[in-house]
Amino acid sequence: MKPRLGQLLTIYSLAPAHPVFRGRLDTHLTGRCVRHHRQLGAHIITATRTDHPHTLITVLDTITTDPATTSCLRTGGVCATP
């Protein structure tokens, strides 16, 4: 299942960049990734290597400014259970 998460994030990062959406998916993708950062942490970092990483970079910025989520990124996506 984990390789599929990476593929999903790659597709998700490309969709908001498509002209038909005009940025309407950015907020949705950011919110979803932040809510599921425990499962997606390492995949988000890897998926920023796409042609259109802007939304995922926003996700990382959002996660890294929240003290409750920064430990996940420092441990490569492995988060302690609250």
C-alpha atoms as a PDB file:
ATOM      1  CA  MET A   1       0.000   0.000   0.000  1.00  0.00           C
ATOM      2  CA  LYS A   2       2.841   2.412   0.738  1.00  0.00           C
ATOM      3  CA  PRO A   3       4.054   2.680  -2.880  1.00  0.00           C
ATOM      4  CA  ARG A   4       0.500   3.625  -3.810  1.00  0.00           C
ATOM      5  CA  LEU A   5       0.603   6.522  -1.348  1.00  0.00           C
ATOM      6  CA  GLY A   6       3.603   7.928  -3.170  1.00  0.00           C
ATOM      7  CA  GLN A   7       1.871   7.517  -6.516  1.00  0.00           C
ATOM      8  CA  LEU A   8      -1.295   9.126  -5.187  1.00  0.00           C
ATOM      9  CA  LEU A   9       0.619  12.133  -3.892  1.00  0.00           C
ATOM     10  CA  THR A  10       2.435  12.499  -7.194  1.00  0.00           C
ATOM     11  CA  ILE A  11      -0.879  12.556  -9.066  1.00  0.00           C
ATOM     12  CA  TYR A  12      -2.366  14.847  -6.441  1.00  0.00           C
ATOM     13  CA  SER A  13       0.508  17.268  -6.889  1.00  0.00           C
ATOM     14  CA  LEU A  14      -0.023  17.373 -10.650  1.00  0.00           C
ATOM     15  CA  ALA A  15      -3.799  17.864 -10.571  1.00  0.00           C
ATOM     16  CA  PRO A  16      -3.820  21.317  -8.902  1.00  0.00           C
ATOM     17  CA  ALA A  17      -1.376  22.547 -11.529  1.00  0.00           C
ATOM     18  CA  HIS A  18      -3.766  21.698 -14.360  1.00  0.00           C
ATOM     19  CA  PRO A  19      -5.355  24.854 -15.811  1.00  0.00           C
ATOM     20  CA  VAL A  20      -8.887  23.465 -15.536  1.00  0.00           C
ATOM     21  CA  PHE A  21      -8.682  23.553 -11.715  1.00  0.00           C
ATOM     22  CA  ARG A  22      -7.115  27.036 -11.431  1.00  0.00           C
ATOM     23  CA  GLY A  23      -5.825  26.412  -7.921  1.00  0.00           C
ATOM     24  CA  ARG A  24      -9.143  25.132  -6.567  1.00  0.00           C
ATOM     25  CA  LEU A  25      -7.563  21.881  -5.363  1.00  0.00           C
ATOM     26  CA  ASP A  26      -4.667  23.461  -3.458  1.00  0.00           C
ATOM     27  CA  THR A  27      -6.538  24.007  -0.191  1.00  0.00           C
ATOM     28  CA  HIS A  28      -8.162  20.569  -0.347  1.00  0.00           C
ATOM     29  CA  LEU A  29      -4.853  18.786  -0.944  1.00  0.00           C
ATOM     30  CA  THR A  30      -3.053  20.794   1.733  1.00  0.00           C
ATOM     31  CA  GLY A  31      -5.749  20.076   4.315  1.00  0.00           C
ATOM     32  CA  ARG A  32      -5.907  16.381   3.505  1.00  0.00           C
ATOM     33  CA  CYS A  33      -2.135  15.940   3.705  1.00  0.00           C
ATOM     34  CA  VAL A  34      -1.864  17.875   6.956  1.00  0.00           C
ATOM     35  CA  ARG A  35      -4.686  15.815   8.496  1.00  0.00           C
ATOM     36  CA  HIS A  36      -2.960  12.578   7.460  1.00  0.00           C
ATOM     37  CA  HIS A  37       0.640  13.689   7.991  1.00  0.00           C
ATOM     38  CA  ARG A  38       1.383  10.662  10.185  1.00  0.00           C
ATOM     39  CA  GLN A  39       0.769   8.276   7.287  1.00  0.00           C
ATOM     40  CA  LEU A  40       2.102  10.525   4.539  1.00  0.00           C
ATOM     41  CA  GLY A  41       5.149  12.243   6.051  1.00  0.00           C
ATOM     42  CA  ALA A  42       7.962  10.590   4.098  1.00  0.00           C
ATOM     43  CA  HIS A  43       5.817  10.308   0.963  1.00  0.00           C
ATOM     44  CA  ILE A  44       5.116  14.047   0.975  1.00  0.00           C
ATOM     45  CA  ILE A  45       8.837  14.765   1.028  1.00  0.00           C
ATOM     46  CA  THR A  46       9.471  12.345  -1.848  1.00  0.00           C
ATOM     47  CA  ALA A  47       6.524  13.622  -3.904  1.00  0.00           C
ATOM     48  CA  THR A  48       7.916  17.173  -3.880  1.00  0.00           C
ATOM     49  CA  ARG A  49      10.274  15.973  -6.630  1.00  0.00           C
ATOM     50  CA  THR A  50       7.481  16.240  -9.213  1.00  0.00           C
ATOM     51  CA  ASP A  51       7.180  18.885 -11.925  1.00  0.00           C
ATOM     52  CA  HIS A  52       4.592  20.800  -9.875  1.00  0.00           C
ATOM     53  CA  PRO A  53       5.513  20.485  -6.190  1.00  0.00           C
ATOM     54  CA  HIS A  54       4.086  23.840  -5.080  1.00  0.00           C
ATOM     55  CA  THR A  55       1.067  22.468  -3.213  1.00  0.00           C
ATOM     56  CA  LEU A  56       3.144  19.803  -1.468  1.00  0.00           C
ATOM     57  CA  ILE A  57       5.716  22.403  -0.474  1.00  0.00           C
ATOM     58  CA  THR A  58       2.847  24.344   1.102  1.00  0.00           C
ATOM     59  CA  VAL A  59       1.912  21.145   2.947  1.00  0.00           C
ATOM     60  CA  LEU A  60       5.461  20.823   4.279  1.00  0.00           C
ATOM     61  CA  ASP A  61       5.493  24.472   5.320  1.00  0.00           C
ATOM     62  CA  THR A  62       2.207  23.966   7.149  1.00  0.00           C
ATOM     63  CA  ILE A  63       3.383  20.802   8.884  1.00  0.00           C
ATOM     64  CA  THR A  64       6.744  22.260   9.886  1.00  0.00           C
ATOM     65  CA  THR A  65       5.179  25.298  11.532  1.00  0.00           C
ATOM     66  CA  ASP A  66       2.982  23.175  13.776  1.00  0.00           C
ATOM     67  CA  PRO A  67       4.976  21.945  16.814  1.00  0.00           C
ATOM     68  CA  ALA A  68       2.746  18.866  17.048  1.00  0.00           C
ATOM     69  CA  THR A  69       3.801  17.675  13.593  1.00  0.00           C
ATOM     70  CA  THR A  70       7.470  18.662  13.274  1.00  0.00           C
ATOM     71  CA  SER A  71       8.712  15.525  15.045  1.00  0.00           C
ATOM     72  CA  CYS A  72       7.272  13.426  12.203  1.00  0.00           C
ATOM     73  CA  LEU A  73       9.481  15.093   9.653  1.00  0.00           C
ATOM     74  CA  ARG A  74      12.596  14.832  11.822  1.00  0.00           C
ATOM     75  CA  THR A  75      12.041  11.082  12.115  1.00  0.00           C
ATOM     76  CA  GLY A  76      11.340  10.501   8.424  1.00  0.00           C
ATOM     77  CA  GLY A  77       7.586  10.317   8.811  1.00  0.00           C
ATOM     78  CA  VAL A  78       7.596   8.109  11.906  1.00  0.00           C
ATOM     79  CA  CYS A  79       5.395   9.809  14.467  1.00  0.00           C
ATOM     80  CA  ALA A  80       4.816   9.037  18.084  1.00  0.00           C
ATOM     81  CA  THR A  81       1.255   8.245  19.007  1.00  0.00           C
ATOM     82  CA  PRO A  82      -0.304  11.119  20.967  1.00  0.00           C
END
